[in-house]
Amino acid sequence: MKRITIKDLAQQAGVNPSTVSRALKDHPDISPALRDRVKQLAEQLHYRPNHMAVYLRQRTSRLVGLVIPEITMFFYPSLIKGVEQVLHNHGFSLVMLPSNESLDRETENIQICFDNDVAGLLIAFSRETNNTEHLALLEEAGAPIVMVDKVLENSGFDAVVLDDYSDARAAVTHLVATGCQRIAGVFGNPNMHITQLRLKGFTDVLKASQLPLDPEQLLFANDAAEAQECVQQLLRAPLPPDGLFAMSDEIITGALPALLDSGRKIPDDCAVVCMSDGLLPHFLRPQVTFLRHDGFALGQLAAERLCAMIKSGEHLQADYQGRQIVLEAQLIEQETTRPLNALALK
């Protein structure tokens, strides 16, 4: 007789596998009625967790999966380096799989991890991902899962993240404190949770500072080339910005040349601040003020958390809801912003 799986229960119940998994663990996000229905169905179909698979996976596999949205020169090389260093120290090997910002590809990667009996998974979600249904295979097999950087809220999994909302607030607050009055922002793909958080941090500062918040001054770009076009568009406005926030290394790579080509003086005509892994701003000219998002440290934290879960098995507890670790950022002032006392000196 075919063994009943979480996927089978989900199909019968008409819900996602991740919902079934949480219902069986009495997760508070699942309503009592749905929990009872899923448990009754599990009893009727004689579903039993595959404890042997969990046992074997935890004790024999020395392989950890890392799924990331893309292979790029920005941020992820540092994160991968941090992950690999920690895993090596704990005796694990790393298999790294890019999703190329595709949910289908991400799902294929999860299947690859399952087929190779990974001991655990680190994942930064693609911009197409809006649920964790495809993680049910690994969840049922007992492999711990840690989301890193690009996460989904209320998923029940552990997360190691940056405080994107607060860090964006800190960056834009610095522009305000140096005297900027017309601040524009160039952001990444608007569908990404990370973009939405940084956008909210940006807009909340302008509202609190009673500065103009013009929708035409909020632009979105998928890469450096689009970011360059965004800044060129901003500079054609009757009142161009005197402050610019770029939400990532990739964005500033396109934004800064557009400002320089326009002949505007930085920071006198337009101050600039970005969020960065920390390396690129030092090599740009002028050197860019930035909020440091340390990819290497984030990778280390995520890998240490995963190794601890593999060892303890705490994620297998029925009432486990996941925990979040937040890495603090630091403002590094360089040449693209004015001193805080610049106005007083005039």
Protein backbone atom coordinates (compact mmCIF):
# COMPACT_ATOMS: atom_id res chain seq x y z
CA MET A 1 0.00 0.00 0.00
CA LYS A 2 1.29 3.47 -0.90
CA ARG A 3 2.39 5.47 2.12
CA ILE A 4 0.15 8.49 2.74
CA THR A 5 2.10 11.76 2.67
CA ILE A 6 1.38 15.33 3.64
CA LYS A 7 0.82 16.08 -0.05
CA ASP A 8 -1.91 13.41 -0.17
CA LEU A 9 -3.62 14.93 2.87
CA ALA A 10 -3.38 18.40 1.35
CA GLN A 11 -4.99 17.23 -1.89
CA GLN A 12 -7.86 15.58 0.00
CA ALA A 13 -8.37 18.59 2.27
CA GLY A 14 -8.06 21.16 -0.52
CA VAL A 15 -5.30 23.14 1.19
CA ASN A 16 -1.55 23.62 0.84
CA PRO A 17 0.84 20.97 2.20
CA SER A 18 2.39 23.58 4.48
CA THR A 19 -1.08 24.22 5.97
CA VAL A 20 -1.50 20.51 6.65
CA SER A 21 1.91 20.36 8.31
CA ARG A 22 1.05 23.26 10.60
CA ALA A 23 -2.40 21.86 11.40
CA LEU A 24 -0.84 18.57 12.50
CA LYS A 25 1.53 20.54 14.77
CA ASP A 26 -1.32 22.63 16.26
CA HIS A 27 0.14 25.85 14.88
CA PRO A 28 -1.84 28.85 16.18
CA ASP A 29 -2.18 30.35 12.69
CA ILE A 30 -4.47 27.44 11.75
CA SER A 31 -8.08 27.66 12.90
CA PRO A 32 -9.31 24.98 15.35
CA ALA A 33 -11.91 23.81 12.82
CA LEU A 34 -9.32 23.26 10.10
CA ARG A 35 -6.93 21.60 12.55
CA ASP A 36 -9.65 19.14 13.57
CA ARG A 37 -10.61 18.44 9.94
CA VAL A 38 -7.00 17.74 8.93
CA LYS A 39 -6.38 15.50 11.94
CA GLN A 40 -9.58 13.53 11.28
CA LEU A 41 -8.55 13.08 7.66
CA ALA A 42 -5.06 11.98 8.72
CA GLU A 43 -6.63 9.38 11.02
CA GLN A 44 -8.99 8.13 8.32
CA LEU A 45 -6.17 7.74 5.78
CA HIS A 46 -3.80 6.23 8.39
CA TYR A 47 -1.20 8.94 7.91
CA ARG A 48 1.92 8.51 10.00
CA PRO A 49 4.99 10.79 10.02
CA ASN A 50 8.03 9.15 8.46
CA HIS A 51 10.16 9.08 11.61
CA MET A 52 12.69 6.73 10.02
CA ALA A 53 13.38 9.24 7.25
CA VAL A 54 13.86 11.95 9.88
CA TYR A 55 16.20 9.71 11.85
CA LEU A 56 18.32 8.77 8.85
CA ARG A 57 18.43 12.30 7.47
CA GLN A 58 19.64 13.82 10.73
CA ARG A 59 22.33 11.23 11.34
CA THR A 60 23.79 10.35 7.97
CA SER A 61 23.55 13.41 5.72
CA ARG A 62 26.37 15.94 5.82
CA LEU A 63 24.96 17.99 2.97
CA VAL A 64 23.16 21.34 3.32
CA GLY A 65 21.21 23.06 0.56
CA LEU A 66 21.34 26.79 -0.16
CA VAL A 67 18.74 28.18 -2.58
CA ILE A 68 19.23 31.81 -3.65
CA PRO A 69 17.35 34.00 -6.16
CA GLU A 70 20.28 34.68 -8.48
CA ILE A 71 24.01 34.51 -9.00
CA THR A 72 25.21 38.08 -9.01
CA MET A 73 28.25 40.11 -8.00
CA PHE A 74 26.21 41.83 -5.29
CA PHE A 75 25.60 40.63 -1.72
CA TYR A 76 25.17 36.90 -2.35
CA PRO A 77 28.88 36.10 -2.88
CA SER A 78 29.53 37.43 0.64
CA LEU A 79 26.54 35.53 2.04
CA ILE A 80 27.67 32.28 0.39
CA LYS A 81 31.18 32.73 1.78
CA GLY A 82 29.81 33.18 5.30
CA VAL A 83 27.54 30.13 4.97
CA GLU A 84 30.28 27.89 3.56
CA GLN A 85 32.79 28.85 6.26
CA VAL A 86 30.44 27.91 9.09
CA LEU A 87 29.22 24.70 7.43
CA HIS A 88 32.81 23.57 6.80
CA ASN A 89 33.67 24.16 10.45
CA HIS A 90 30.71 21.96 11.44
CA GLY A 91 31.62 19.19 9.00
CA PHE A 92 28.93 19.89 6.38
CA SER A 93 29.24 20.35 2.63
CA LEU A 94 27.22 22.92 0.68
CA VAL A 95 25.16 22.55 -2.48
CA MET A 96 24.16 25.94 -3.87
CA LEU A 97 21.21 26.20 -6.26
CA PRO A 98 20.03 29.46 -7.91
CA SER A 99 16.33 29.92 -8.70
CA ASN A 100 16.92 32.73 -11.22
CA GLU A 101 13.95 34.54 -9.61
CA SER A 102 11.63 31.72 -10.76
CA LEU A 103 9.20 29.88 -8.47
CA ASP A 104 9.24 26.85 -10.80
CA ARG A 105 13.02 26.71 -10.65
CA GLU A 106 12.93 27.18 -6.89
CA THR A 107 10.53 24.24 -6.60
CA GLU A 108 12.87 22.10 -8.73
CA ASN A 109 15.73 23.03 -6.41
CA ILE A 110 13.76 21.92 -3.36
CA GLN A 111 13.14 18.57 -5.06
CA ILE A 112 16.86 18.26 -5.76
CA CYS A 113 17.60 18.93 -2.09
CA PHE A 114 15.04 16.33 -1.04
CA ASP A 115 16.38 13.72 -3.49
CA ASN A 116 19.88 14.27 -2.12
CA ASP A 117 18.79 13.90 1.52
CA VAL A 118 20.04 17.29 2.67
CA ALA A 119 20.36 17.63 6.43
CA GLY A 120 18.88 21.13 6.24
CA LEU A 121 18.00 24.01 3.93
CA LEU A 122 18.86 27.71 3.76
CA ILE A 123 16.67 29.66 1.37
CA ALA A 124 16.26 33.20 0.08
CA PHE A 125 12.99 33.28 -1.84
CA SER A 126 12.52 34.37 -5.44
CA ARG A 127 10.42 37.41 -6.30
CA GLU A 128 7.68 35.05 -7.60
CA THR A 129 7.35 33.13 -4.32
CA ASN A 130 4.34 33.97 -2.15
CA ASN A 131 3.86 30.75 -0.14
CA THR A 132 5.88 27.83 1.25
CA GLU A 133 3.88 24.95 -0.19
CA HIS A 134 6.90 23.61 -2.07
CA LEU A 135 8.87 23.24 1.18
CA ALA A 136 6.49 20.58 2.53
CA LEU A 137 8.68 17.75 1.18
CA LEU A 138 11.63 18.76 3.33
CA GLU A 139 9.43 19.73 6.26
CA GLU A 140 7.81 16.29 6.33
CA ALA A 141 11.22 14.63 6.09
CA GLY A 142 12.32 16.49 9.19
CA ALA A 143 14.94 18.73 7.59
CA PRO A 144 15.18 22.11 9.34
CA ILE A 145 14.63 25.17 7.15
CA VAL A 146 16.08 28.62 7.73
CA MET A 147 14.99 31.56 5.59
CA VAL A 148 17.68 34.16 5.00
CA ASP A 149 17.43 37.75 3.71
CA LYS A 150 14.41 37.38 1.39
CA VAL A 151 11.75 35.75 3.54
CA LEU A 152 8.00 35.21 3.83
CA GLU A 153 6.27 36.41 6.98
CA ASN A 154 4.24 34.05 9.19
CA SER A 155 5.70 30.97 7.51
CA GLY A 156 6.53 29.14 10.73
CA PHE A 157 10.18 28.74 9.71
CA ASP A 158 13.26 30.27 11.27
CA ALA A 159 14.51 33.48 9.65
CA VAL A 160 17.82 35.35 9.74
CA VAL A 161 17.24 38.80 8.34
CA LEU A 162 18.22 42.42 8.14
CA ASP A 163 15.87 45.04 9.55
CA ASP A 164 15.01 46.44 6.13
CA TYR A 165 12.34 48.82 7.39
CA SER A 166 14.39 50.38 10.20
CA ASP A 167 17.57 50.48 8.14
CA ALA A 168 15.85 52.33 5.29
CA ARG A 169 14.48 54.77 7.86
CA ALA A 170 17.98 55.35 9.23
CA ALA A 171 19.41 56.00 5.76
CA VAL A 172 16.71 58.46 4.74
CA THR A 173 16.74 60.14 8.16
CA HIS A 174 20.41 60.87 7.55
CA LEU A 175 19.56 62.63 4.28
CA VAL A 176 16.95 64.71 6.09
CA ALA A 177 19.39 65.57 8.87
CA THR A 178 21.90 66.91 6.34
CA GLY A 179 19.33 69.32 4.90
CA CYS A 180 17.79 67.48 1.93
CA GLN A 181 14.28 68.73 1.12
CA ARG A 182 13.33 66.84 -2.06
CA ILE A 183 14.31 63.20 -1.57
CA ALA A 184 13.76 60.59 -4.28
CA GLY A 185 14.09 56.83 -3.97
CA VAL A 186 15.04 54.11 -6.44
CA PHE A 187 13.97 50.64 -5.32
CA GLY A 188 14.13 47.06 -6.56
CA ASN A 189 11.30 44.90 -7.86
CA PRO A 190 8.08 46.10 -6.14
CA ASN A 191 6.78 42.55 -5.66
CA MET A 192 9.59 41.63 -3.28
CA HIS A 193 8.91 41.83 0.45
CA ILE A 194 12.34 43.38 0.98
CA THR A 195 11.44 46.21 -1.43
CA GLN A 196 8.13 46.84 0.30
CA LEU A 197 9.80 47.12 3.70
CA ARG A 198 12.47 49.53 2.45
CA LEU A 199 9.86 51.58 0.61
CA LYS A 200 7.74 51.87 3.76
CA GLY A 201 10.77 52.95 5.79
CA PHE A 202 11.52 55.60 3.16
CA THR A 203 7.98 56.98 2.96
CA ASP A 204 7.46 56.97 6.73
CA VAL A 205 10.49 59.23 7.22
CA LEU A 206 9.28 61.74 4.64
CA LYS A 207 5.83 61.82 6.22
CA ALA A 208 7.25 62.27 9.71
CA SER A 209 9.56 65.03 8.46
CA GLN A 210 6.68 66.73 6.59
CA LEU A 211 8.66 66.61 3.35
CA PRO A 212 6.98 66.22 -0.04
CA LEU A 213 6.15 62.64 -1.01
CA ASP A 214 5.69 62.64 -4.77
CA PRO A 215 4.84 59.23 -6.34
CA GLU A 216 6.86 60.28 -9.39
CA GLN A 217 9.93 60.44 -7.15
CA LEU A 218 9.54 56.73 -6.22
CA LEU A 219 10.87 54.54 -9.00
CA PHE A 220 11.59 50.80 -9.34
CA ALA A 221 14.33 48.98 -11.21
CA ASN A 222 15.22 45.33 -11.74
CA ASP A 223 18.89 45.98 -12.50
CA ALA A 224 21.59 48.65 -12.76
CA ALA A 225 20.64 49.69 -16.28
CA GLU A 226 17.04 50.35 -15.26
CA ALA A 227 18.27 52.22 -12.19
CA GLN A 228 20.32 54.53 -14.43
CA GLU A 229 17.23 55.23 -16.53
CA CYS A 230 15.22 55.94 -13.35
CA VAL A 231 17.68 58.60 -12.18
CA GLN A 232 17.81 60.17 -15.63
CA GLN A 233 14.01 60.43 -15.44
CA LEU A 234 14.18 62.00 -11.96
CA LEU A 235 16.66 64.61 -13.15
CA ARG A 236 14.34 65.72 -15.98
CA ALA A 237 11.71 66.86 -13.45
CA PRO A 238 11.12 70.63 -13.05
CA LEU A 239 12.38 70.30 -9.47
CA PRO A 240 14.95 67.48 -9.45
CA PRO A 241 15.77 65.82 -6.14
CA ASP A 242 18.44 67.18 -3.83
CA GLY A 243 18.69 63.81 -2.09
CA LEU A 244 18.66 60.27 -3.46
CA PHE A 245 18.14 56.93 -1.69
CA ALA A 246 19.25 53.78 -3.55
CA MET A 247 18.05 50.57 -1.92
CA SER A 248 20.93 48.27 -2.96
CA ASP A 249 24.40 47.94 -4.44
CA GLU A 250 22.93 47.08 -7.83
CA ILE A 251 20.75 50.19 -7.81
CA ILE A 252 23.59 52.55 -6.85
CA THR A 253 25.77 51.06 -9.61
CA GLY A 254 23.38 52.53 -12.18
CA ALA A 255 22.18 55.56 -10.23
CA LEU A 256 25.52 57.21 -9.46
CA PRO A 257 26.77 57.44 -13.10
CA ALA A 258 23.47 59.04 -14.11
CA LEU A 259 23.96 61.76 -11.49
CA LEU A 260 27.59 62.34 -12.48
CA ASP A 261 26.78 62.49 -16.20
CA SER A 262 24.20 65.21 -15.50
CA GLY A 263 26.91 67.52 -14.21
CA ARG A 264 25.37 67.83 -10.77
CA LYS A 265 27.75 68.20 -7.87
CA ILE A 266 27.60 65.52 -5.21
CA PRO A 267 26.68 66.16 -2.41
CA ASP A 268 26.10 69.92 -2.87
CA ASP A 269 23.41 69.60 -5.57
CA CYS A 270 22.26 66.10 -4.67
CA ALA A 271 23.29 63.98 -1.68
CA VAL A 272 23.27 60.19 -2.05
CA VAL A 273 22.90 57.30 0.37
CA CYS A 274 22.46 53.60 -0.36
CA MET A 275 22.11 50.25 1.37
CA SER A 276 25.09 48.04 0.68
CA ASP A 277 27.02 44.91 1.58
CA GLY A 278 29.85 47.33 2.28
CA LEU A 279 32.52 46.77 -0.37
CA LEU A 280 31.25 48.59 -3.47
CA PRO A 281 30.72 52.09 -1.94
CA HIS A 282 34.43 52.36 -1.12
CA PHE A 283 35.40 51.83 -4.77
CA LEU A 284 32.91 54.24 -6.30
CA ARG A 285 33.88 57.85 -6.94
CA PRO A 286 32.83 59.74 -5.00
CA GLN A 287 32.70 57.18 -2.19
CA VAL A 288 29.05 56.63 -1.27
CA THR A 289 27.54 56.95 2.20
CA PHE A 290 25.76 53.69 3.01
CA LEU A 291 23.89 51.56 5.54
CA ARG A 292 25.99 48.43 5.79
CA HIS A 293 24.13 45.15 5.26
CA ASP A 294 26.83 42.59 5.97
CA GLY A 295 26.13 39.57 3.75
CA PHE A 296 29.04 37.60 5.19
CA ALA A 297 27.80 38.02 8.77
CA LEU A 298 24.23 37.23 7.71
CA GLY A 299 25.39 34.00 6.06
CA GLN A 300 27.33 33.03 9.16
CA LEU A 301 24.35 33.64 11.45
CA ALA A 302 22.00 31.66 9.20
CA ALA A 303 24.38 28.71 8.91
CA GLU A 304 25.05 28.64 12.66
CA ARG A 305 21.31 28.64 13.34
CA LEU A 306 20.73 25.78 10.87
CA CYS A 307 23.55 23.69 12.35
CA ALA A 308 22.10 24.20 15.83
CA MET A 309 18.69 23.01 14.63
CA ILE A 310 20.16 19.96 12.91
CA LYS A 311 21.87 19.04 16.18
CA SER A 312 18.98 19.77 18.56
CA GLY A 313 15.98 18.72 16.45
CA GLU A 314 13.96 21.47 18.18
CA HIS A 315 12.09 22.23 14.94
CA LEU A 316 10.43 18.79 15.21
CA GLN A 317 8.49 19.77 18.32
CA ALA A 318 4.76 19.96 17.74
CA ASP A 319 4.44 23.54 18.98
CA TYR A 320 7.55 24.91 17.26
CA GLN A 321 6.78 28.18 15.44
CA GLY A 322 10.21 29.32 14.28
CA ARG A 323 12.32 32.19 15.54
CA GLN A 324 13.78 35.29 13.94
CA ILE A 325 17.31 36.64 14.25
CA VAL A 326 17.93 40.23 13.13
CA LEU A 327 21.37 41.52 12.13
CA GLU A 328 21.98 45.16 13.01
CA ALA A 329 23.27 47.57 10.35
CA GLN A 330 25.67 50.50 10.65
CA LEU A 331 25.67 53.88 8.88
CA ILE A 332 29.01 54.60 7.18
CA GLU A 333 29.36 58.27 6.25
CA GLN A 334 31.49 58.99 3.18
CA GLU A 335 31.68 61.61 0.43
CA THR A 336 28.14 61.68 -1.00
CA THR A 337 26.37 63.26 1.97
CA ARG A 338 26.92 66.64 3.60
CA PRO A 339 28.05 66.93 7.24
CA LEU A 340 25.22 67.07 9.74
CA ASN A 341 26.16 70.67 10.65
CA ALA A 342 26.43 71.87 7.05
CA LEU A 343 23.39 74.16 7.33
CA ALA A 344 24.68 75.75 10.55
CA LEU A 345 27.95 76.57 8.82
CA LYS A 346 26.28 78.54 6.03
